[in-house]
Amino acid sequence: WLELKKIQSIEVINLPSDKEKADEIFHGLC
């Protein structure tokens, strides 16, 4: 966990649908 906190991350906690989560992840990847 200490290692993971050092790298970039994307939160999709409050997004209700899988599509919205995927869209946010996709934009983060881009």
PDB file of all heavy atoms in Angstrom:
ATOM      1  N   TRP A   1       0.826  -1.205   0.000  1.00  0.00           N
ATOM      2  CA  TRP A   1       0.000   0.000   0.000  1.00  0.00           C
ATOM      3  C   TRP A   1       0.864   1.261   0.000  1.00  0.00           C
ATOM      4  O   TRP A   1       0.565   2.235  -0.686  1.00  0.00           O
ATOM      5  CB  TRP A   1      -0.935  -0.010   1.203  1.00  0.00           C
ATOM      6  CG  TRP A   1      -1.707   1.251   1.415  1.00  0.00           C
ATOM      7  CD1 TRP A   1      -1.651   2.083   2.486  1.00  0.00           C
ATOM      8  CD2 TRP A   1      -2.653   1.852   0.515  1.00  0.00           C
ATOM      9  NE1 TRP A   1      -2.512   3.147   2.325  1.00  0.00           N
ATOM     10  CE2 TRP A   1      -3.133   3.032   1.120  1.00  0.00           C
ATOM     11  CE3 TRP A   1      -3.139   1.494  -0.737  1.00  0.00           C
ATOM     12  CZ2 TRP A   1      -4.064   3.867   0.515  1.00  0.00           C
ATOM     13  CZ3 TRP A   1      -4.077   2.332  -1.348  1.00  0.00           C
ATOM     14  CH2 TRP A   1      -4.525   3.491  -0.721  1.00  0.00           C
ATOM     15  N   LEU A   2       1.955   1.255   0.745  1.00  0.00           N
ATOM     16  CA  LEU A   2       2.860   2.400   0.747  1.00  0.00           C
ATOM     17  C   LEU A   2       3.440   2.632  -0.643  1.00  0.00           C
ATOM     18  O   LEU A   2       3.648   3.777  -1.059  1.00  0.00           O
ATOM     19  CB  LEU A   2       3.992   2.175   1.754  1.00  0.00           C
ATOM     20  CG  LEU A   2       3.595   2.115   3.236  1.00  0.00           C
ATOM     21  CD1 LEU A   2       4.827   1.946   4.107  1.00  0.00           C
ATOM     22  CD2 LEU A   2       2.810   3.349   3.649  1.00  0.00           C
ATOM     23  N   GLU A   3       3.692   1.556  -1.371  1.00  0.00           N
ATOM     24  CA  GLU A   3       4.181   1.668  -2.751  1.00  0.00           C
ATOM     25  C   GLU A   3       3.101   2.248  -3.665  1.00  0.00           C
ATOM     26  O   GLU A   3       3.365   3.121  -4.487  1.00  0.00           O
ATOM     27  CB  GLU A   3       4.611   0.296  -3.267  1.00  0.00           C
ATOM     28  CG  GLU A   3       5.953  -0.177  -2.759  1.00  0.00           C
ATOM     29  CD  GLU A   3       7.109   0.478  -3.507  1.00  0.00           C
ATOM     30  OE1 GLU A   3       7.016   0.630  -4.738  1.00  0.00           O
ATOM     31  OE2 GLU A   3       8.088   0.850  -2.858  1.00  0.00           O
ATOM     32  N   LEU A   4       1.883   1.744  -3.514  1.00  0.00           N
ATOM     33  CA  LEU A   4       0.794   2.178  -4.388  1.00  0.00           C
ATOM     34  C   LEU A   4       0.492   3.659  -4.247  1.00  0.00           C
ATOM     35  O   LEU A   4       0.094   4.319  -5.206  1.00  0.00           O
ATOM     36  CB  LEU A   4      -0.471   1.366  -4.098  1.00  0.00           C
ATOM     37  CG  LEU A   4      -0.422  -0.126  -4.440  1.00  0.00           C
ATOM     38  CD1 LEU A   4      -1.692  -0.815  -3.966  1.00  0.00           C
ATOM     39  CD2 LEU A   4      -0.229  -0.340  -5.933  1.00  0.00           C
ATOM     40  N   LYS A   5       0.681   4.198  -3.070  1.00  0.00           N
ATOM     41  CA  LYS A   5       0.372   5.608  -2.830  1.00  0.00           C
ATOM     42  C   LYS A   5       1.318   6.540  -3.583  1.00  0.00           C
ATOM     43  O   LYS A   5       1.049   7.727  -3.705  1.00  0.00           O
ATOM     44  CB  LYS A   5       0.430   5.902  -1.327  1.00  0.00           C
ATOM     45  CG  LYS A   5      -0.689   5.246  -0.539  1.00  0.00           C
ATOM     46  CD  LYS A   5      -0.517   5.424   0.958  1.00  0.00           C
ATOM     47  CE  LYS A   5      -0.737   6.859   1.382  1.00  0.00           C
ATOM     48  NZ  LYS A   5      -0.691   7.025   2.857  1.00  0.00           N
ATOM     49  N   LYS A   6       2.410   5.994  -4.111  1.00  0.00           N
ATOM     50  CA  LYS A   6       3.394   6.818  -4.808  1.00  0.00           C
ATOM     51  C   LYS A   6       3.078   6.982  -6.291  1.00  0.00           C
ATOM     52  O   LYS A   6       3.708   7.792  -6.958  1.00  0.00           O
ATOM     53  CB  LYS A   6       4.794   6.194  -4.665  1.00  0.00           C
ATOM     54  CG  LYS A   6       5.301   6.058  -3.246  1.00  0.00           C
ATOM     55  CD  LYS A   6       6.631   5.334  -3.229  1.00  0.00           C
ATOM     56  CE  LYS A   6       7.112   5.069  -1.809  1.00  0.00           C
ATOM     57  NZ  LYS A   6       8.382   4.294  -1.811  1.00  0.00           N
ATOM     58  N   ILE A   7       2.143   6.192  -6.816  1.00  0.00           N
ATOM     59  CA  ILE A   7       1.900   6.232  -8.253  1.00  0.00           C
ATOM     60  C   ILE A   7       0.558   6.884  -8.566  1.00  0.00           C
ATOM     61  O   ILE A   7      -0.310   7.012  -7.706  1.00  0.00           O
ATOM     62  CB  ILE A   7       1.968   4.815  -8.868  1.00  0.00           C
ATOM     63  CG1 ILE A   7       0.811   3.941  -8.391  1.00  0.00           C
ATOM     64  CG2 ILE A   7       3.286   4.151  -8.558  1.00  0.00           C
ATOM     65  CD1 ILE A   7       0.785   2.562  -9.026  1.00  0.00           C
ATOM     66  N   GLN A   8       0.416   7.288  -9.817  1.00  0.00           N
ATOM     67  CA  GLN A   8      -0.812   7.970 -10.244  1.00  0.00           C
ATOM     68  C   GLN A   8      -2.006   7.025 -10.159  1.00  0.00           C
ATOM     69  O   GLN A   8      -1.894   5.838 -10.422  1.00  0.00           O
ATOM     70  CB  GLN A   8      -0.647   8.474 -11.676  1.00  0.00           C
ATOM     71  CG  GLN A   8      -1.846   9.220 -12.215  1.00  0.00           C
ATOM     72  CD  GLN A   8      -1.561   9.822 -13.566  1.00  0.00           C
ATOM     73  OE1 GLN A   8      -0.716  10.709 -13.694  1.00  0.00           O
ATOM     74  NE2 GLN A   8      -2.249   9.354 -14.585  1.00  0.00           N
ATOM     75  N   SER A   9      -3.149   7.569  -9.799  1.00  0.00           N
ATOM     76  CA  SER A   9      -4.342   6.737  -9.676  1.00  0.00           C
ATOM     77  C   SER A   9      -5.566   7.486 -10.193  1.00  0.00           C
ATOM     78  O   SER A   9      -5.544   8.707 -10.354  1.00  0.00           O
ATOM     79  CB  SER A   9      -4.559   6.315  -8.216  1.00  0.00           C
ATOM     80  OG  SER A   9      -4.701   7.448  -7.384  1.00  0.00           O
ATOM     81  N   ILE A  10      -6.618   6.730 -10.467  1.00  0.00           N
ATOM     82  CA  ILE A  10      -7.872   7.279 -10.965  1.00  0.00           C
ATOM     83  C   ILE A  10      -8.996   6.802 -10.070  1.00  0.00           C
ATOM     84  O   ILE A  10      -9.112   5.599  -9.803  1.00  0.00           O
ATOM     85  CB  ILE A  10      -8.131   6.831 -12.423  1.00  0.00           C
ATOM     86  CG1 ILE A  10      -6.977   7.260 -13.325  1.00  0.00           C
ATOM     87  CG2 ILE A  10      -9.449   7.401 -12.934  1.00  0.00           C
ATOM     88  CD1 ILE A  10      -7.054   6.688 -14.727  1.00  0.00           C
ATOM     89  N   GLU A  11      -9.811   7.719  -9.589  1.00  0.00           N
ATOM     90  CA  GLU A  11     -10.938   7.371  -8.726  1.00  0.00           C
ATOM     91  C   GLU A  11     -12.225   7.295  -9.546  1.00  0.00           C
ATOM     92  O   GLU A  11     -12.548   8.225 -10.282  1.00  0.00           O
ATOM     93  CB  GLU A  11     -11.100   8.404  -7.621  1.00  0.00           C
ATOM     94  CG  GLU A  11      -9.971   8.409  -6.609  1.00  0.00           C
ATOM     95  CD  GLU A  11     -10.208   9.425  -5.499  1.00  0.00           C
ATOM     96  OE1 GLU A  11     -11.180  10.214  -5.620  1.00  0.00           O
ATOM     97  OE2 GLU A  11      -9.448   9.430  -4.534  1.00  0.00           O
ATOM     98  N   VAL A  12     -12.942   6.200  -9.385  1.00  0.00           N
ATOM     99  CA  VAL A  12     -14.257   6.066 -10.035  1.00  0.00           C
ATOM    100  C   VAL A  12     -15.299   5.674  -8.988  1.00  0.00           C
ATOM    101  O   VAL A  12     -16.301   5.035  -9.285  1.00  0.00           O
ATOM    102  CB  VAL A  12     -14.202   5.026 -11.179  1.00  0.00           C
ATOM    103  CG1 VAL A  12     -13.317   5.513 -12.314  1.00  0.00           C
ATOM    104  CG2 VAL A  12     -13.711   3.669 -10.678  1.00  0.00           C
ATOM    105  N   ILE A  13     -15.052   6.090  -7.771  1.00  0.00           N
ATOM    106  CA  ILE A  13     -15.851   5.667  -6.617  1.00  0.00           C
ATOM    107  C   ILE A  13     -17.313   6.069  -6.750  1.00  0.00           C
ATOM    108  O   ILE A  13     -18.215   5.273  -6.496  1.00  0.00           O
ATOM    109  CB  ILE A  13     -15.260   6.264  -5.320  1.00  0.00           C
ATOM    110  CG1 ILE A  13     -13.806   5.805  -5.141  1.00  0.00           C
ATOM    111  CG2 ILE A  13     -16.100   5.877  -4.112  1.00  0.00           C
ATOM    112  CD1 ILE A  13     -13.039   6.600  -4.103  1.00  0.00           C
ATOM    113  N   ASN A  14     -17.561   7.297  -7.149  1.00  0.00           N
ATOM    114  CA  ASN A  14     -18.927   7.836  -7.142  1.00  0.00           C
ATOM    115  C   ASN A  14     -19.635   7.748  -8.483  1.00  0.00           C
ATOM    116  O   ASN A  14     -20.731   8.296  -8.635  1.00  0.00           O
ATOM    117  CB  ASN A  14     -18.885   9.296  -6.671  1.00  0.00           C
ATOM    118  CG  ASN A  14     -18.366   9.436  -5.251  1.00  0.00           C
ATOM    119  OD1 ASN A  14     -18.729   8.642  -4.384  1.00  0.00           O
ATOM    120  ND2 ASN A  14     -17.527  10.420  -5.023  1.00  0.00           N
ATOM    121  N   LEU A  15     -19.039   7.082  -9.435  1.00  0.00           N
ATOM    122  CA  LEU A  15     -19.678   6.944 -10.746  1.00  0.00           C
ATOM    123  C   LEU A  15     -20.572   5.710 -10.748  1.00  0.00           C
ATOM    124  O   LEU A  15     -20.113   4.611 -10.429  1.00  0.00           O
ATOM    125  CB  LEU A  15     -18.613   6.842 -11.846  1.00  0.00           C
ATOM    126  CG  LEU A  15     -17.707   8.075 -11.970  1.00  0.00           C
ATOM    127  CD1 LEU A  15     -16.642   7.863 -13.033  1.00  0.00           C
ATOM    128  CD2 LEU A  15     -18.527   9.314 -12.291  1.00  0.00           C
ATOM    129  N   PRO A  16     -21.851   5.854 -11.086  1.00  0.00           N
ATOM    130  CA  PRO A  16     -22.811   4.764 -10.889  1.00  0.00           C
ATOM    131  C   PRO A  16     -22.716   3.612 -11.879  1.00  0.00           C
ATOM    132  O   PRO A  16     -22.947   2.454 -11.511  1.00  0.00           O
ATOM    133  CB  PRO A  16     -24.178   5.462 -11.015  1.00  0.00           C
ATOM    134  CG  PRO A  16     -23.904   6.670 -11.860  1.00  0.00           C
ATOM    135  CD  PRO A  16     -22.507   7.104 -11.532  1.00  0.00           C
ATOM    136  N   SER A  17     -22.388   3.885 -13.132  1.00  0.00           N
ATOM    137  CA  SER A  17     -22.440   2.818 -14.139  1.00  0.00           C
ATOM    138  C   SER A  17     -21.046   2.381 -14.573  1.00  0.00           C
ATOM    139  O   SER A  17     -20.069   3.133 -14.456  1.00  0.00           O
ATOM    140  CB  SER A  17     -23.223   3.287 -15.364  1.00  0.00           C
ATOM    141  OG  SER A  17     -22.495   4.277 -16.080  1.00  0.00           O
ATOM    142  N   ASP A  18     -20.977   1.164 -15.105  1.00  0.00           N
ATOM    143  CA  ASP A  18     -19.702   0.651 -15.609  1.00  0.00           C
ATOM    144  C   ASP A  18     -19.204   1.498 -16.774  1.00  0.00           C
ATOM    145  O   ASP A  18     -18.002   1.701 -16.927  1.00  0.00           O
ATOM    146  CB  ASP A  18     -19.855  -0.805 -16.048  1.00  0.00           C
ATOM    147  CG  ASP A  18     -20.039  -1.754 -14.871  1.00  0.00           C
ATOM    148  OD1 ASP A  18     -19.621  -1.407 -13.757  1.00  0.00           O
ATOM    149  OD2 ASP A  18     -20.600  -2.848 -15.079  1.00  0.00           O
ATOM    150  N   LYS A  19     -20.123   1.981 -17.600  1.00  0.00           N
ATOM    151  CA  LYS A  19     -19.723   2.793 -18.741  1.00  0.00           C
ATOM    152  C   LYS A  19     -19.085   4.102 -18.287  1.00  0.00           C
ATOM    153  O   LYS A  19     -18.059   4.526 -18.838  1.00  0.00           O
ATOM    154  CB  LYS A  19     -20.914   3.095 -19.653  1.00  0.00           C
ATOM    155  CG  LYS A  19     -20.519   3.842 -20.927  1.00  0.00           C
ATOM    156  CD  LYS A  19     -21.716   4.117 -21.813  1.00  0.00           C
ATOM    157  CE  LYS A  19     -21.266   4.751 -23.135  1.00  0.00           C
ATOM    158  NZ  LYS A  19     -20.394   5.929 -22.957  1.00  0.00           N
ATOM    159  N   GLU A  20     -19.676   4.741 -17.277  1.00  0.00           N
ATOM    160  CA  GLU A  20     -19.103   5.985 -16.773  1.00  0.00           C
ATOM    161  C   GLU A  20     -17.731   5.742 -16.149  1.00  0.00           C
ATOM    162  O   GLU A  20     -16.815   6.557 -16.310  1.00  0.00           O
ATOM    163  CB  GLU A  20     -20.047   6.614 -15.749  1.00  0.00           C
ATOM    164  CG  GLU A  20     -21.317   7.183 -16.359  1.00  0.00           C
ATOM    165  CD  GLU A  20     -22.292   7.660 -15.303  1.00  0.00           C
ATOM    166  OE1 GLU A  20     -22.894   6.812 -14.621  1.00  0.00           O
ATOM    167  OE2 GLU A  20     -22.441   8.894 -15.172  1.00  0.00           O
ATOM    168  N   LYS A  21     -17.608   4.641 -15.440  1.00  0.00           N
ATOM    169  CA  LYS A  21     -16.298   4.293 -14.862  1.00  0.00           C
ATOM    170  C   LYS A  21     -15.271   4.073 -15.969  1.00  0.00           C
ATOM    171  O   LYS A  21     -14.137   4.562 -15.902  1.00  0.00           O
ATOM    172  CB  LYS A  21     -16.418   3.040 -13.998  1.00  0.00           C
ATOM    173  CG  LYS A  21     -17.184   3.228 -12.692  1.00  0.00           C
ATOM    174  CD  LYS A  21     -17.203   1.924 -11.908  1.00  0.00           C
ATOM    175  CE  LYS A  21     -17.814   2.102 -10.518  1.00  0.00           C
ATOM    176  NZ  LYS A  21     -19.260   2.349 -10.571  1.00  0.00           N
ATOM    177  N   ALA A  22     -15.676   3.325 -17.006  1.00  0.00           N
ATOM    178  CA  ALA A  22     -14.769   3.044 -18.113  1.00  0.00           C
ATOM    179  C   ALA A  22     -14.380   4.328 -18.842  1.00  0.00           C
ATOM    180  O   ALA A  22     -13.217   4.492 -19.239  1.00  0.00           O
ATOM    181  CB  ALA A  22     -15.416   2.053 -19.079  1.00  0.00           C
ATOM    182  N   ASP A  23     -15.331   5.238 -19.016  1.00  0.00           N
ATOM    183  CA  ASP A  23     -15.037   6.512 -19.674  1.00  0.00           C
ATOM    184  C   ASP A  23     -13.991   7.293 -18.885  1.00  0.00           C
ATOM    185  O   ASP A  23     -13.062   7.877 -19.461  1.00  0.00           O
ATOM    186  CB  ASP A  23     -16.312   7.356 -19.814  1.00  0.00           C
ATOM    187  CG  ASP A  23     -17.255   6.821 -20.885  1.00  0.00           C
ATOM    188  OD1 ASP A  23     -16.819   5.990 -21.703  1.00  0.00           O
ATOM    189  OD2 ASP A  23     -18.435   7.234 -20.887  1.00  0.00           O
ATOM    190  N   GLU A  24     -14.147   7.318 -17.574  1.00  0.00           N
ATOM    191  CA  GLU A  24     -13.199   8.059 -16.734  1.00  0.00           C
ATOM    192  C   GLU A  24     -11.814   7.410 -16.770  1.00  0.00           C
ATOM    193  O   GLU A  24     -10.785   8.102 -16.829  1.00  0.00           O
ATOM    194  CB  GLU A  24     -13.718   8.107 -15.301  1.00  0.00           C
ATOM    195  CG  GLU A  24     -13.084   9.186 -14.441  1.00  0.00           C
ATOM    196  CD  GLU A  24     -13.471  10.585 -14.881  1.00  0.00           C
ATOM    197  OE1 GLU A  24     -14.549  10.780 -15.467  1.00  0.00           O
ATOM    198  OE2 GLU A  24     -12.660  11.503 -14.635  1.00  0.00           O
ATOM    199  N   ILE A  25     -11.786   6.094 -16.745  1.00  0.00           N
ATOM    200  CA  ILE A  25     -10.507   5.380 -16.826  1.00  0.00           C
ATOM    201  C   ILE A  25      -9.851   5.635 -18.177  1.00  0.00           C
ATOM    202  O   ILE A  25      -8.638   5.866 -18.267  1.00  0.00           O
ATOM    203  CB  ILE A  25     -10.720   3.875 -16.593  1.00  0.00           C
ATOM    204  CG1 ILE A  25     -11.152   3.621 -15.146  1.00  0.00           C
ATOM    205  CG2 ILE A  25      -9.445   3.089 -16.905  1.00  0.00           C
ATOM    206  CD1 ILE A  25     -11.649   2.213 -14.885  1.00  0.00           C
ATOM    207  N   PHE A  26     -10.656   5.604 -19.236  1.00  0.00           N
ATOM    208  CA  PHE A  26     -10.125   5.836 -20.574  1.00  0.00           C
ATOM    209  C   PHE A  26      -9.501   7.227 -20.687  1.00  0.00           C
ATOM    210  O   PHE A  26      -8.402   7.395 -21.230  1.00  0.00           O
ATOM    211  CB  PHE A  26     -11.239   5.677 -21.612  1.00  0.00           C
ATOM    212  CG  PHE A  26     -10.807   5.996 -23.012  1.00  0.00           C
ATOM    213  CD1 PHE A  26      -9.832   5.239 -23.641  1.00  0.00           C
ATOM    214  CD2 PHE A  26     -11.371   7.058 -23.698  1.00  0.00           C
ATOM    215  CE1 PHE A  26      -9.417   5.542 -24.936  1.00  0.00           C
ATOM    216  CE2 PHE A  26     -10.970   7.365 -24.991  1.00  0.00           C
ATOM    217  CZ  PHE A  26      -9.997   6.600 -25.614  1.00  0.00           C
ATOM    218  N   HIS A  27     -10.193   8.237 -20.157  1.00  0.00           N
ATOM    219  CA  HIS A  27      -9.649   9.593 -20.201  1.00  0.00           C
ATOM    220  C   HIS A  27      -8.362   9.683 -19.373  1.00  0.00           C
ATOM    221  O   HIS A  27      -7.428  10.397 -19.752  1.00  0.00           O
ATOM    222  CB  HIS A  27     -10.681  10.602 -19.697  1.00  0.00           C
ATOM    223  CG  HIS A  27     -11.719  10.937 -20.713  1.00  0.00           C
ATOM    224  ND1 HIS A  27     -12.734  10.056 -21.072  1.00  0.00           N
ATOM    225  CD2 HIS A  27     -11.918  12.047 -21.475  1.00  0.00           C
ATOM    226  CE1 HIS A  27     -13.493  10.619 -21.999  1.00  0.00           C
ATOM    227  NE2 HIS A  27     -13.029  11.820 -22.258  1.00  0.00           N
ATOM    228  N   GLY A  28      -8.300   8.954 -18.255  1.00  0.00           N
ATOM    229  CA  GLY A  28      -7.082   8.934 -17.461  1.00  0.00           C
ATOM    230  C   GLY A  28      -5.928   8.269 -18.191  1.00  0.00           C
ATOM    231  O   GLY A  28      -4.782   8.723 -18.120  1.00  0.00           O
ATOM    232  N   LEU A  29      -6.234   7.196 -18.917  1.00  0.00           N
ATOM    233  CA  LEU A  29      -5.202   6.516 -19.706  1.00  0.00           C
ATOM    234  C   LEU A  29      -4.668   7.442 -20.798  1.00  0.00           C
ATOM    235  O   LEU A  29      -3.461   7.480 -21.059  1.00  0.00           O
ATOM    236  CB  LEU A  29      -5.781   5.243 -20.332  1.00  0.00           C
ATOM    237  CG  LEU A  29      -6.030   4.069 -19.389  1.00  0.00           C
ATOM    238  CD1 LEU A  29      -6.831   2.977 -20.093  1.00  0.00           C
ATOM    239  CD2 LEU A  29      -4.716   3.501 -18.857  1.00  0.00           C
ATOM    240  N   CYS A  30      -5.575   8.179 -21.442  1.00  0.00           N
ATOM    241  CA  CYS A  30      -5.162   9.121 -22.487  1.00  0.00           C
ATOM    242  C   CYS A  30      -4.311  10.239 -21.918  1.00  0.00           C
ATOM    243  O   CYS A  30      -3.392  10.740 -22.576  1.00  0.00           O
ATOM    244  CB  CYS A  30      -6.387   9.696 -23.191  1.00  0.00           C
ATOM    245  SG  CYS A  30      -7.289   8.490 -24.193  1.00  0.00           S
TER     246      CYS A  30
END
